[in-house]
Amino acid sequence: MPRSLLSLLLLALMLLALPSSVTAQSSAELVDQARAKARLLCTEADRGDRLYDILCTGVIRVGVRGGYSRFATNRQGIREGFEIDVAEQIGALMGVEVEFIDVTPVTRISALSDNQIDLVIATMGHNSTRDANARFIRPHYYSSQTVVIGPKRIEVGSWDDMSDKTVCTTVGNYANTLLVPRVARVMLFDTPARLVSNLRSGTCTFIAQDDSVLANAMADPETAAEFERKLGFGEIPWGMAVSLQGSDRLAVLLDQLSIGMHADGLLLDLAQPHLIETEFLVRMQTLWQRDECLQTPSKCYAAPLKAEITPSPFKAFVESAYAWAQEYLAVFYSEVAWDLFINGIQVSLIAVAGALIVTLAMSLLFAVCLTSDKKVLKWPLAVLLAVFQSSPPILILVLVATMANSLFSYSQVVALSVAILSIALMNGAFAGQAIADAWRSLEPTSGRANRWQKAVIQSASQIEAFLTNATRGISAASFVGVADLTNALNDITSFSRNQSTTYWILLIFYILIVMAVVRLCRSLRARIELLELKG
């Protein structure tokens, strides 16, 4: 057999000897075996795997971020952070130098595919959709979760304590799909920095954001003295990753190195000086010291985050009936969004119906009192009418809400009642004044009942106008925490980004409601006038 062919067969057998799955074999042994094989390949143009390229050149190219505080920063050429230390530890274990290359959330995976880097360690969450683009190293080197931060003076023991609270969060945060159903409402901001500033100023009582993003803020002594972590949810594992092509053996080695760094507590030791959350690393150290995990690592791997959202029935309807709606109504493609939308419509319709009924009742009450001969009835209502005429509607709403909150504990029923009563008082007062003016203009020769009927018919246009105004005004119910359509669409926007569509839906909804109310009022007016002619 030719000597060259014998060498190739021997090389192939040695390459196959490297384990394809992680075993209890030590990291040092794997590195030594890989280095021995690499010596035979260093003169070859195509070495078959990036592991051998790294060992032959003595350099591993690691993609890292340049401005993620406590994890990876680059200030005047000096790199610091937990991920920087992790990369240097991997380089030391492999016996190679580390060359850092800046990447961003947009370029970190493409840099692997384009062979610009060998390994990426860049605050990258491991979700199910990314497995098609990169090979993630297991076990994960870190994990973050969304945390709720609030004042120490307010006790929060569970999500039940948050059901009547408002939480500030950022637009487009995936964790908002988990947050929105658990709280009364959310306030949206465009950046985490604005969340923190509004928490400190008191605009936000609670904020929700990834704990790695809030690490700097919570390290501030003044902030830590006043605020604390209340709840955590939506854990996302962070993974190192290599390319899907030509990195199989590199990935196997890095898997074993990751297990060793967890079991030996190296990752925990690297994290502590940077004052980041270490709960995950403590759990992983305990887990990877167990014999069953070392013998069969796949049993102990954490699953990637499931990024898919459960589709709602509305999605199937839209896809089959209106192809164009895929672009404009995609905000309702999740079950959470659809449920919020339906509930918001129901609450808004109840609010509109309540506002119309109570406005009519208030208009008659004001009319009777304003035309009464008894000063004890007439003057208080006249003063109240003057207050409504000179006060902004939102001020009346806040005043009634304040009075209600002092008498009753907060609930959706109380909030809805406050909104209906406030809107009805303002519009009913004006409608009542119109009826009273019409009543005074009529001759008292006819019977009292006939005079009231004519007064109502004569002021029908004003009554219709104020009923229409009450319909429009009830949209302000969201201001006092009513879970109406305005609030529902605000919640949906928090995880959809498609703000223009939600505002158009809100506009169309109230246009249709107002049109229906106007049509109803005119129909009733025509019937009353017809009865008068017959009578």
Protein backbone atom coordinates (compact mmCIF):
# COMPACT_ATOMS: atom_id res chain seq x y z
CA MET A 1 0.00 0.00 0.00
CA PRO A 2 1.47 3.42 -0.93
CA ARG A 3 2.85 5.32 2.03
CA SER A 4 0.75 8.45 1.31
CA LEU A 5 -2.47 6.40 1.26
CA LEU A 6 -1.51 4.71 4.55
CA SER A 7 -0.97 8.13 6.13
CA LEU A 8 -4.37 9.35 4.99
CA LEU A 9 -6.09 6.26 6.43
CA LEU A 10 -4.27 6.69 9.74
CA LEU A 11 -5.27 10.36 9.85
CA ALA A 12 -8.92 9.50 9.16
CA LEU A 13 -8.95 6.95 11.99
CA MET A 14 -7.44 9.50 14.40
CA LEU A 15 -10.04 12.12 13.45
CA LEU A 16 -12.86 9.67 14.05
CA ALA A 17 -11.47 8.92 17.49
CA LEU A 18 -12.51 12.36 18.77
CA PRO A 19 -15.87 11.89 20.54
CA SER A 20 -18.93 13.13 18.66
CA SER A 21 -20.79 13.62 21.91
CA VAL A 22 -19.67 14.94 25.23
CA THR A 23 -18.58 12.25 27.71
CA ALA A 24 -16.96 12.25 31.10
CA GLN A 25 -13.60 12.67 29.37
CA SER A 26 -11.74 15.66 30.81
CA SER A 27 -11.38 18.93 28.94
CA ALA A 28 -7.60 18.73 29.14
CA GLU A 29 -7.58 15.29 27.50
CA LEU A 30 -9.79 16.51 24.67
CA VAL A 31 -7.55 19.52 24.07
CA ASP A 32 -4.43 17.32 24.06
CA GLN A 33 -6.01 14.88 21.61
CA ALA A 34 -7.14 17.69 19.33
CA ARG A 35 -3.70 19.31 19.46
CA ALA A 36 -2.03 16.01 18.51
CA LYS A 37 -4.32 15.67 15.49
CA ALA A 38 -3.86 19.30 14.55
CA ARG A 39 -0.08 18.83 14.23
CA LEU A 40 -0.72 16.43 11.36
CA LEU A 41 -2.98 18.93 9.59
CA CYS A 42 -1.22 22.27 10.04
CA THR A 43 0.45 22.03 6.64
CA GLU A 44 -2.85 21.26 4.90
CA ALA A 45 -4.86 24.00 3.17
CA ASP A 46 -8.18 22.47 4.21
CA ARG A 47 -7.99 21.15 7.76
CA GLY A 48 -11.65 20.05 7.86
CA ASP A 49 -12.70 21.82 11.06
CA ARG A 50 -12.22 25.23 12.63
CA LEU A 51 -10.88 23.56 15.77
CA TYR A 52 -7.74 22.57 13.89
CA ASP A 53 -7.48 26.02 12.29
CA ILE A 54 -7.49 27.55 15.78
CA LEU A 55 -4.89 25.15 17.18
CA CYS A 56 -2.64 25.52 14.15
CA THR A 57 -2.73 29.33 14.12
CA GLY A 58 -2.71 29.62 17.90
CA VAL A 59 -5.56 32.17 17.78
CA ILE A 60 -9.30 31.89 18.38
CA ARG A 61 -11.38 34.76 16.95
CA VAL A 62 -14.20 35.62 19.32
CA GLY A 63 -17.05 37.97 18.43
CA VAL A 64 -18.06 40.16 21.36
CA ARG A 65 -20.08 43.31 21.90
CA GLY A 66 -18.40 46.62 22.59
CA GLY A 67 -20.87 48.50 24.75
CA TYR A 68 -22.82 46.13 27.00
CA SER A 69 -21.99 47.21 30.54
CA ARG A 70 -20.66 44.51 32.89
CA PHE A 71 -20.64 41.94 30.11
CA ALA A 72 -18.52 43.32 27.28
CA THR A 73 -17.20 46.86 26.93
CA ASN A 74 -14.40 48.34 24.86
CA ARG A 75 -13.12 51.65 26.21
CA GLN A 76 -10.06 52.98 24.42
CA GLY A 77 -8.94 49.48 23.49
CA ILE A 78 -9.39 48.04 26.99
CA ARG A 79 -11.96 45.27 27.00
CA GLU A 80 -13.74 44.36 30.21
CA GLY A 81 -16.75 42.33 31.28
CA PHE A 82 -17.96 38.86 32.13
CA GLU A 83 -18.05 37.68 28.52
CA ILE A 84 -14.54 39.00 27.92
CA ASP A 85 -13.31 36.97 30.89
CA VAL A 86 -15.17 33.88 29.63
CA ALA A 87 -13.52 34.18 26.22
CA GLU A 88 -10.07 34.58 27.77
CA GLN A 89 -10.70 31.55 30.00
CA ILE A 90 -11.60 29.46 26.95
CA GLY A 91 -8.45 30.65 25.20
CA ALA A 92 -6.37 29.68 28.23
CA LEU A 93 -7.93 26.21 28.42
CA MET A 94 -7.26 25.67 24.71
CA GLY A 95 -3.76 27.13 24.97
CA VAL A 96 -4.35 29.80 22.31
CA GLU A 97 -4.50 33.59 22.12
CA VAL A 98 -7.87 35.35 21.90
CA GLU A 99 -8.52 37.87 19.15
CA PHE A 100 -11.60 39.95 19.93
CA ILE A 101 -13.76 41.16 17.05
CA ASP A 102 -16.67 43.56 17.59
CA VAL A 103 -20.11 42.30 16.61
CA THR A 104 -23.64 43.62 17.07
CA PRO A 105 -26.98 41.84 17.54
CA VAL A 106 -27.45 42.21 13.78
CA THR A 107 -24.03 40.88 12.69
CA ARG A 108 -23.11 38.30 15.33
CA ILE A 109 -24.57 35.28 13.50
CA SER A 110 -23.62 36.40 10.00
CA ALA A 111 -20.03 36.88 11.19
CA LEU A 112 -19.92 33.16 12.01
CA SER A 113 -21.32 32.17 8.62
CA ASP A 114 -18.87 34.46 6.80
CA ASN A 115 -15.89 32.98 8.70
CA GLN A 116 -15.04 36.33 10.27
CA ILE A 117 -15.06 34.76 13.73
CA ASP A 118 -14.76 31.26 15.18
CA LEU A 119 -16.92 31.76 18.26
CA VAL A 120 -19.51 34.32 19.32
CA ILE A 121 -20.07 35.29 22.97
CA ALA A 122 -22.31 38.34 22.64
CA THR A 123 -25.31 38.35 25.02
CA MET A 124 -27.15 36.12 22.55
CA GLY A 125 -30.29 34.45 23.83
CA HIS A 126 -30.76 30.88 22.67
CA ASN A 127 -34.23 30.55 21.21
CA SER A 128 -35.68 27.85 19.00
CA THR A 129 -35.57 29.95 15.83
CA ARG A 130 -31.81 30.58 16.03
CA ASP A 131 -30.89 26.88 15.93
CA ALA A 132 -31.31 27.02 12.16
CA ASN A 133 -28.56 29.65 11.88
CA ALA A 134 -25.90 28.67 14.44
CA ARG A 135 -24.75 25.74 16.56
CA PHE A 136 -25.17 26.72 20.22
CA ILE A 137 -22.74 25.47 22.84
CA ARG A 138 -24.36 23.52 25.66
CA PRO A 139 -24.71 23.95 28.56
CA HIS A 140 -25.46 27.67 28.32
CA TYR A 141 -22.93 29.97 29.94
CA TYR A 142 -25.46 32.42 31.39
CA SER A 143 -29.16 33.18 31.64
CA SER A 144 -31.15 36.34 32.12
CA GLN A 145 -34.78 37.00 32.92
CA THR A 146 -37.16 39.92 32.99
CA VAL A 147 -37.48 41.33 36.50
CA VAL A 148 -40.02 43.66 38.07
CA ILE A 149 -38.35 46.42 40.10
CA GLY A 150 -40.29 48.50 42.61
CA PRO A 151 -40.06 50.42 45.90
CA LYS A 152 -39.06 48.49 49.00
CA ARG A 153 -41.96 50.07 50.89
CA ILE A 154 -44.50 48.22 48.70
CA GLU A 155 -44.70 44.53 49.51
CA VAL A 156 -45.09 42.19 46.53
CA GLY A 157 -45.15 38.49 47.32
CA SER A 158 -46.68 37.07 44.14
CA TRP A 159 -48.30 38.03 40.84
CA ASP A 160 -51.62 38.38 42.67
CA ASP A 161 -50.21 41.51 44.30
CA MET A 162 -49.52 42.98 40.83
CA SER A 163 -53.02 42.52 39.41
CA ASP A 164 -54.01 46.14 40.15
CA LYS A 165 -50.62 47.71 39.43
CA THR A 166 -49.28 49.68 36.45
CA VAL A 167 -45.87 48.57 35.17
CA CYS A 168 -43.56 50.52 32.88
CA THR A 169 -41.77 48.54 30.17
CA THR A 170 -40.18 49.02 26.74
CA VAL A 171 -41.92 48.70 23.38
CA GLY A 172 -41.32 45.46 21.48
CA ASN A 173 -40.15 43.41 24.46
CA TYR A 174 -41.06 39.73 23.94
CA ALA A 175 -41.57 39.30 27.71
CA ASN A 176 -44.47 41.76 27.53
CA THR A 177 -46.65 38.90 26.26
CA LEU A 178 -46.17 37.32 29.69
CA LEU A 179 -46.40 40.58 31.64
CA VAL A 180 -49.53 42.18 30.19
CA PRO A 181 -52.07 39.54 31.34
CA ARG A 182 -50.71 39.70 34.90
CA VAL A 183 -50.95 43.44 35.62
CA ALA A 184 -53.63 46.12 35.42
CA ARG A 185 -51.91 48.04 32.61
CA VAL A 186 -48.51 48.88 31.14
CA MET A 187 -46.88 52.19 30.28
CA LEU A 188 -44.54 52.07 27.29
CA PHE A 189 -41.14 53.69 26.82
CA ASP A 190 -38.68 53.44 23.97
CA THR A 191 -35.45 52.74 25.92
CA PRO A 192 -34.43 51.05 29.20
CA ALA A 193 -32.68 54.27 30.26
CA ARG A 194 -36.01 56.09 30.28
CA LEU A 195 -37.49 53.33 32.41
CA VAL A 196 -34.85 53.84 35.08
CA SER A 197 -35.11 57.65 35.05
CA ASN A 198 -38.90 57.49 35.39
CA LEU A 199 -38.59 54.97 38.22
CA ARG A 200 -36.29 57.32 40.12
CA SER A 201 -38.52 60.35 39.46
CA GLY A 202 -41.64 58.54 40.65
CA THR A 203 -43.45 58.55 37.30
CA CYS A 204 -43.21 54.76 37.29
CA THR A 205 -43.86 52.84 40.49
CA PHE A 206 -42.78 49.55 38.89
CA ILE A 207 -40.61 48.79 35.86
CA ALA A 208 -39.99 45.50 34.01
CA GLN A 209 -36.82 44.84 32.03
CA ASP A 210 -34.09 42.24 31.49
CA ASP A 211 -32.00 41.92 34.66
CA SER A 212 -28.75 42.15 32.68
CA VAL A 213 -29.85 45.55 31.35
CA LEU A 214 -30.78 46.79 34.84
CA ALA A 215 -27.57 45.54 36.49
CA ASN A 216 -25.89 48.95 36.31
CA ALA A 217 -28.89 50.83 37.69
CA MET A 218 -29.37 48.43 40.60
CA ALA A 219 -25.67 48.66 41.46
CA ASP A 220 -26.14 52.37 42.21
CA PRO A 221 -26.28 52.71 46.04
CA GLU A 222 -29.11 55.28 46.02
CA THR A 223 -31.25 53.19 43.68
CA ALA A 224 -30.53 49.97 45.57
CA ALA A 225 -31.46 51.66 48.86
CA GLU A 226 -34.92 52.63 47.62
CA PHE A 227 -35.83 49.92 45.11
CA GLU A 228 -35.58 46.14 44.91
CA ARG A 229 -36.35 43.20 42.68
CA LYS A 230 -39.92 42.01 43.23
CA LEU A 231 -40.55 39.22 40.71
CA GLY A 232 -38.76 37.47 37.86
CA PHE A 233 -40.16 35.75 34.76
CA GLY A 234 -39.40 34.81 31.16
CA GLU A 235 -35.93 33.29 31.66
CA ILE A 236 -33.80 33.29 28.49
CA PRO A 237 -30.65 31.11 28.30
CA TRP A 238 -27.58 32.79 26.81
CA GLY A 239 -25.45 30.67 24.53
CA MET A 240 -22.05 30.78 22.91
CA ALA A 241 -22.30 29.69 19.30
CA VAL A 242 -20.19 28.48 16.40
CA SER A 243 -20.91 28.11 12.71
CA LEU A 244 -23.09 25.28 11.46
CA GLN A 245 -20.49 24.50 8.79
CA GLY A 246 -17.04 23.15 9.61
CA SER A 247 -17.23 23.56 13.39
CA ASP A 248 -18.48 20.17 14.60
CA ARG A 249 -15.34 19.23 16.52
CA LEU A 250 -14.88 22.74 17.85
CA ALA A 251 -18.44 22.60 19.18
CA VAL A 252 -17.84 19.23 20.88
CA LEU A 253 -14.75 20.58 22.62
CA LEU A 254 -16.50 23.79 23.70
CA ASP A 255 -19.41 21.74 25.06
CA GLN A 256 -16.96 19.88 27.29
CA LEU A 257 -15.16 23.08 28.31
CA SER A 258 -18.50 24.65 29.24
CA ILE A 259 -19.41 21.65 31.41
CA GLY A 260 -16.06 21.84 33.14
CA MET A 261 -16.28 25.58 33.77
CA HIS A 262 -19.71 25.14 35.35
CA ALA A 263 -18.74 22.11 37.44
CA ASP A 264 -15.53 23.75 38.71
CA GLY A 265 -17.30 27.03 39.47
CA LEU A 266 -15.09 28.95 37.04
CA LEU A 267 -18.01 30.76 35.39
CA LEU A 268 -19.39 31.71 38.80
CA ASP A 269 -15.99 33.04 39.88
CA LEU A 270 -15.70 35.06 36.65
CA ALA A 271 -19.17 36.58 37.10
CA GLN A 272 -18.95 37.72 40.72
CA PRO A 273 -16.46 40.61 40.26
CA HIS A 274 -18.79 42.17 37.67
CA LEU A 275 -21.75 42.30 40.11
CA ILE A 276 -24.19 40.54 37.79
CA GLU A 277 -26.93 38.09 38.77
CA THR A 278 -25.39 34.71 39.63
CA GLU A 279 -28.45 32.64 40.58
CA PHE A 280 -28.29 30.71 37.30
CA LEU A 281 -24.56 30.03 37.64
CA VAL A 282 -24.99 28.71 41.18
CA ARG A 283 -27.69 26.33 39.95
CA MET A 284 -25.53 25.18 37.06
CA GLN A 285 -22.52 24.49 39.30
CA THR A 286 -24.63 22.19 41.46
CA LEU A 287 -26.23 20.53 38.42
CA TRP A 288 -22.99 19.79 36.57
CA GLN A 289 -21.32 18.25 39.59
CA ARG A 290 -23.85 15.41 39.44
CA ASP A 291 -22.51 12.14 38.00
CA GLU A 292 -25.57 11.54 35.80
CA CYS A 293 -25.05 14.90 34.09
CA LEU A 294 -21.37 14.20 33.48
CA GLN A 295 -22.10 10.75 32.08
CA THR A 296 -25.06 11.80 29.89
CA PRO A 297 -24.89 15.60 29.44
CA SER A 298 -27.86 15.77 27.07
CA LYS A 299 -30.19 14.85 29.94
CA CYS A 300 -29.20 18.01 31.81
CA TYR A 301 -29.17 20.52 28.95
CA ALA A 302 -31.65 23.38 29.30
CA ALA A 303 -34.03 23.75 26.36
CA PRO A 304 -33.86 26.90 24.23
CA LEU A 305 -36.57 29.47 24.69
CA LYS A 306 -39.63 28.67 22.60
CA ALA A 307 -39.99 31.82 20.53
CA GLU A 308 -43.19 30.91 18.72
CA ILE A 309 -46.43 32.51 19.94
CA THR A 310 -49.57 30.36 19.96
CA PRO A 311 -51.70 31.59 17.02
CA SER A 312 -55.27 32.67 17.60
CA PRO A 313 -58.34 31.59 15.56
CA PHE A 314 -58.36 35.09 14.08
CA LYS A 315 -55.10 34.35 12.26
CA ALA A 316 -56.60 31.45 10.29
CA PHE A 317 -59.62 33.59 9.37
CA VAL A 318 -57.46 36.46 8.15
CA GLU A 319 -55.11 34.24 6.14
CA SER A 320 -57.98 32.48 4.34
CA ALA A 321 -60.22 35.51 3.73
CA TYR A 322 -58.01 38.60 3.46
CA ALA A 323 -54.47 38.16 2.20
CA TRP A 324 -53.76 41.85 2.61
CA ALA A 325 -54.55 41.67 6.32
CA GLN A 326 -51.37 39.67 6.95
CA GLU A 327 -49.43 42.91 6.90
CA TYR A 328 -51.84 45.21 8.74
CA LEU A 329 -53.57 42.92 11.26
CA ALA A 330 -50.59 40.85 12.35
CA VAL A 331 -50.87 42.44 15.80
CA PHE A 332 -53.75 40.04 16.52
CA TYR A 333 -51.90 36.85 15.55
CA SER A 334 -51.20 35.89 19.16
CA GLU A 335 -53.76 34.46 21.54
CA VAL A 336 -52.87 37.05 24.18
CA ALA A 337 -53.50 39.95 21.79
CA TRP A 338 -56.82 38.55 20.52
CA ASP A 339 -58.14 37.98 24.05
CA LEU A 340 -57.14 41.52 25.03
CA PHE A 341 -58.84 42.93 21.92
CA ILE A 342 -62.14 41.08 22.49
CA ASN A 343 -62.20 41.99 26.18
CA GLY A 344 -61.43 45.62 25.32
CA ILE A 345 -64.35 45.81 22.87
CA GLN A 346 -66.74 44.27 25.40
CA VAL A 347 -65.71 46.68 28.16
CA SER A 348 -65.93 49.66 25.78
CA LEU A 349 -69.46 48.71 24.67
CA ILE A 350 -70.54 48.38 28.30
CA ALA A 351 -68.99 51.77 29.04
CA VAL A 352 -70.79 53.42 26.09
CA ALA A 353 -74.16 51.91 27.03
CA GLY A 354 -73.70 52.96 30.64
CA ALA A 355 -72.69 56.48 29.66
CA LEU A 356 -75.79 56.92 27.46
CA ILE A 357 -78.24 55.65 30.07
CA VAL A 358 -76.74 57.61 32.96
CA THR A 359 -76.40 60.77 30.81
CA LEU A 360 -80.14 60.63 30.02
CA ALA A 361 -80.93 60.11 33.69
CA MET A 362 -78.68 63.00 34.72
CA SER A 363 -80.19 65.30 32.08
CA LEU A 364 -83.68 64.72 33.46
CA LEU A 365 -82.42 65.14 37.04
CA PHE A 366 -80.75 68.46 36.23
CA ALA A 367 -83.80 69.65 34.26
CA VAL A 368 -86.19 68.90 37.13
CA CYS A 369 -83.95 70.53 39.72
CA LEU A 370 -83.14 73.61 37.61
CA THR A 371 -86.85 74.27 37.00
CA SER A 372 -87.86 73.58 40.58
CA ASP A 373 -89.30 76.33 42.77
CA LYS A 374 -87.38 74.93 45.73
CA LYS A 375 -84.03 76.64 46.19
CA VAL A 376 -82.62 73.63 48.05
CA LEU A 377 -82.87 71.71 44.77
CA LYS A 378 -82.26 74.49 42.28
CA TRP A 379 -79.18 76.30 43.61
CA PRO A 380 -76.88 73.29 44.32
CA LEU A 381 -77.50 71.99 40.80
CA ALA A 382 -76.91 75.46 39.34
CA VAL A 383 -73.56 75.67 41.16
CA LEU A 384 -72.64 72.18 39.97
CA LEU A 385 -73.55 73.16 36.41
CA ALA A 386 -71.29 76.21 36.64
CA VAL A 387 -68.42 74.00 37.86
CA PHE A 388 -68.84 71.65 34.91
CA GLN A 389 -68.99 74.55 32.44
CA SER A 390 -65.70 76.01 33.69
CA SER A 391 -63.68 72.83 34.36
CA PRO A 392 -61.74 70.62 31.92
CA PRO A 393 -63.38 67.19 31.53
CA ILE A 394 -60.20 65.38 32.57
CA LEU A 395 -60.16 67.33 35.85
CA ILE A 396 -63.72 66.22 36.63
CA LEU A 397 -62.70 62.63 35.87
CA VAL A 398 -59.71 62.83 38.21
CA LEU A 399 -61.80 64.48 40.95
CA VAL A 400 -64.51 61.80 40.85
CA ALA A 401 -61.84 59.05 40.73
CA THR A 402 -60.11 60.51 43.79
CA MET A 403 -63.37 60.62 45.73
CA ALA A 404 -64.22 57.06 44.73
CA ASN A 405 -60.78 55.74 45.69
CA SER A 406 -61.14 57.28 49.13
CA LEU A 407 -64.42 55.44 49.65
CA PHE A 408 -63.85 52.13 47.85
CA SER A 409 -60.91 49.83 47.15
CA TYR A 410 -59.78 49.83 43.52
CA SER A 411 -61.44 47.40 41.12
CA GLN A 412 -62.48 47.36 37.47
CA VAL A 413 -66.11 47.87 38.51
CA VAL A 414 -65.21 50.97 40.54
CA ALA A 415 -63.04 52.36 37.74
CA LEU A 416 -65.78 51.79 35.14
CA SER A 417 -68.42 53.36 37.40
CA VAL A 418 -66.20 56.40 37.96
CA ALA A 419 -65.73 56.89 34.22
CA ILE A 420 -69.44 56.51 33.42
CA LEU A 421 -70.54 58.82 36.24
CA SER A 422 -67.98 61.51 35.36
CA ILE A 423 -68.88 61.60 31.67
CA ALA A 424 -72.62 61.41 32.42
CA LEU A 425 -72.47 64.24 34.96
CA MET A 426 -70.75 66.61 32.54
CA ASN A 427 -72.92 65.89 29.51
CA GLY A 428 -76.11 65.31 31.48
CA ALA A 429 -75.73 68.71 33.13
CA PHE A 430 -75.59 70.51 29.78
CA ALA A 431 -78.45 68.44 28.32
CA GLY A 432 -80.50 69.13 31.45
CA GLN A 433 -79.89 72.86 31.09
CA ALA A 434 -81.13 72.68 27.48
CA ILE A 435 -84.34 70.94 28.60
CA ALA A 436 -84.82 73.46 31.41
CA ASP A 437 -84.38 76.41 29.01
CA ALA A 438 -86.92 74.88 26.61
CA TRP A 439 -89.33 74.27 29.49
CA ARG A 440 -89.15 77.93 30.58
CA SER A 441 -89.80 79.13 27.01
CA LEU A 442 -93.11 77.27 26.83
CA GLU A 443 -96.40 78.72 28.03
CA PRO A 444 -97.56 77.07 31.26
CA THR A 445 -101.13 76.88 29.93
CA SER A 446 -100.82 73.24 28.89
CA GLY A 447 -100.59 70.49 31.45
CA ARG A 448 -97.27 69.90 33.20
CA ALA A 449 -96.71 66.51 31.52
CA ASN A 450 -97.45 67.98 28.08
CA ARG A 451 -95.11 70.89 28.79
CA TRP A 452 -92.27 68.50 29.71
CA GLN A 453 -92.87 66.45 26.57
CA LYS A 454 -92.67 69.55 24.38
CA ALA A 455 -89.54 70.71 26.24
CA VAL A 456 -87.79 67.41 25.56
CA ILE A 457 -88.79 67.50 21.87
CA GLN A 458 -87.70 71.13 21.52
CA SER A 459 -84.27 70.38 23.03
CA ALA A 460 -83.85 67.06 21.21
CA SER A 461 -81.00 68.38 19.06
CA GLN A 462 -79.00 69.45 22.13
CA ILE A 463 -79.74 66.14 23.90
CA GLU A 464 -78.55 64.25 20.82
CA ALA A 465 -75.36 66.35 20.72
CA PHE A 466 -74.53 65.69 24.37
CA LEU A 467 -75.27 61.97 24.08
CA THR A 468 -72.89 61.87 21.12
CA ASN A 469 -70.33 63.80 23.14
CA ALA A 470 -70.71 61.31 26.01
CA THR A 471 -70.04 58.47 23.58
CA ARG A 472 -66.81 60.08 22.43
CA GLY A 473 -65.81 61.11 25.93
CA ILE A 474 -66.09 57.65 27.45
CA SER A 475 -62.83 56.75 25.67
CA ALA A 476 -61.15 58.65 28.52
CA ALA A 477 -62.11 55.76 30.80
CA SER A 478 -58.67 54.27 30.19
CA PHE A 479 -57.21 57.22 32.09
CA VAL A 480 -58.58 55.81 35.36
CA GLY A 481 -57.52 52.23 34.58
CA VAL A 482 -60.60 50.81 32.84
CA ALA A 483 -59.56 47.86 30.66
CA ASP A 484 -61.36 49.26 27.61
CA LEU A 485 -60.30 49.09 23.97
CA THR A 486 -57.87 51.99 24.37
CA ASN A 487 -56.00 50.18 27.14
CA ALA A 488 -56.21 46.84 25.34
CA LEU A 489 -54.67 48.27 22.16
CA ASN A 490 -51.98 49.98 24.24
CA ASP A 491 -51.12 46.59 25.77
CA ILE A 492 -51.09 44.91 22.36
CA THR A 493 -48.80 47.61 20.97
CA SER A 494 -46.29 46.84 23.75
CA PHE A 495 -45.30 43.61 21.99
CA SER A 496 -46.35 44.27 18.39
CA ARG A 497 -44.54 47.52 17.40
CA ASN A 498 -47.34 48.19 14.84
CA GLN A 499 -48.72 51.32 16.48
CA SER A 500 -50.38 52.85 13.42
CA THR A 501 -52.73 49.87 12.93
CA THR A 502 -53.92 49.89 16.54
CA TYR A 503 -54.66 53.62 16.42
CA TRP A 504 -56.62 53.20 13.18
CA ILE A 505 -58.67 50.41 14.76
CA LEU A 506 -59.42 52.61 17.78
CA LEU A 507 -60.47 55.49 15.51
CA ILE A 508 -62.72 53.31 13.35
CA PHE A 509 -64.31 51.70 16.42
CA TYR A 510 -65.38 55.02 17.95
CA ILE A 511 -66.51 56.42 14.58
CA LEU A 512 -68.83 53.42 14.16
CA ILE A 513 -70.09 53.70 17.75
CA VAL A 514 -70.82 57.43 17.38
CA MET A 515 -72.61 56.82 14.06
CA ALA A 516 -74.76 54.14 15.71
CA VAL A 517 -75.62 56.44 18.63
CA VAL A 518 -76.55 59.32 16.29
CA ARG A 519 -78.77 57.02 14.24
CA LEU A 520 -80.45 55.69 17.39
CA CYS A 521 -81.07 59.19 18.75
CA ARG A 522 -82.61 60.41 15.51
CA SER A 523 -84.81 57.34 15.29
CA LEU A 524 -86.11 57.93 18.83
CA ARG A 525 -86.60 61.62 18.10
CA ALA A 526 -88.66 60.82 15.00
CA ARG A 527 -90.85 58.41 16.96
CA ILE A 528 -91.48 60.97 19.71
CA GLU A 529 -92.41 63.66 17.18
CA LEU A 530 -94.74 61.21 15.43
CA LEU A 531 -96.47 60.43 18.71
CA GLU A 532 -96.90 64.16 19.35
CA LEU A 533 -98.57 64.66 15.97
CA LYS A 534 -100.92 61.76 16.61
CA GLY A 535 -101.68 62.99 20.08
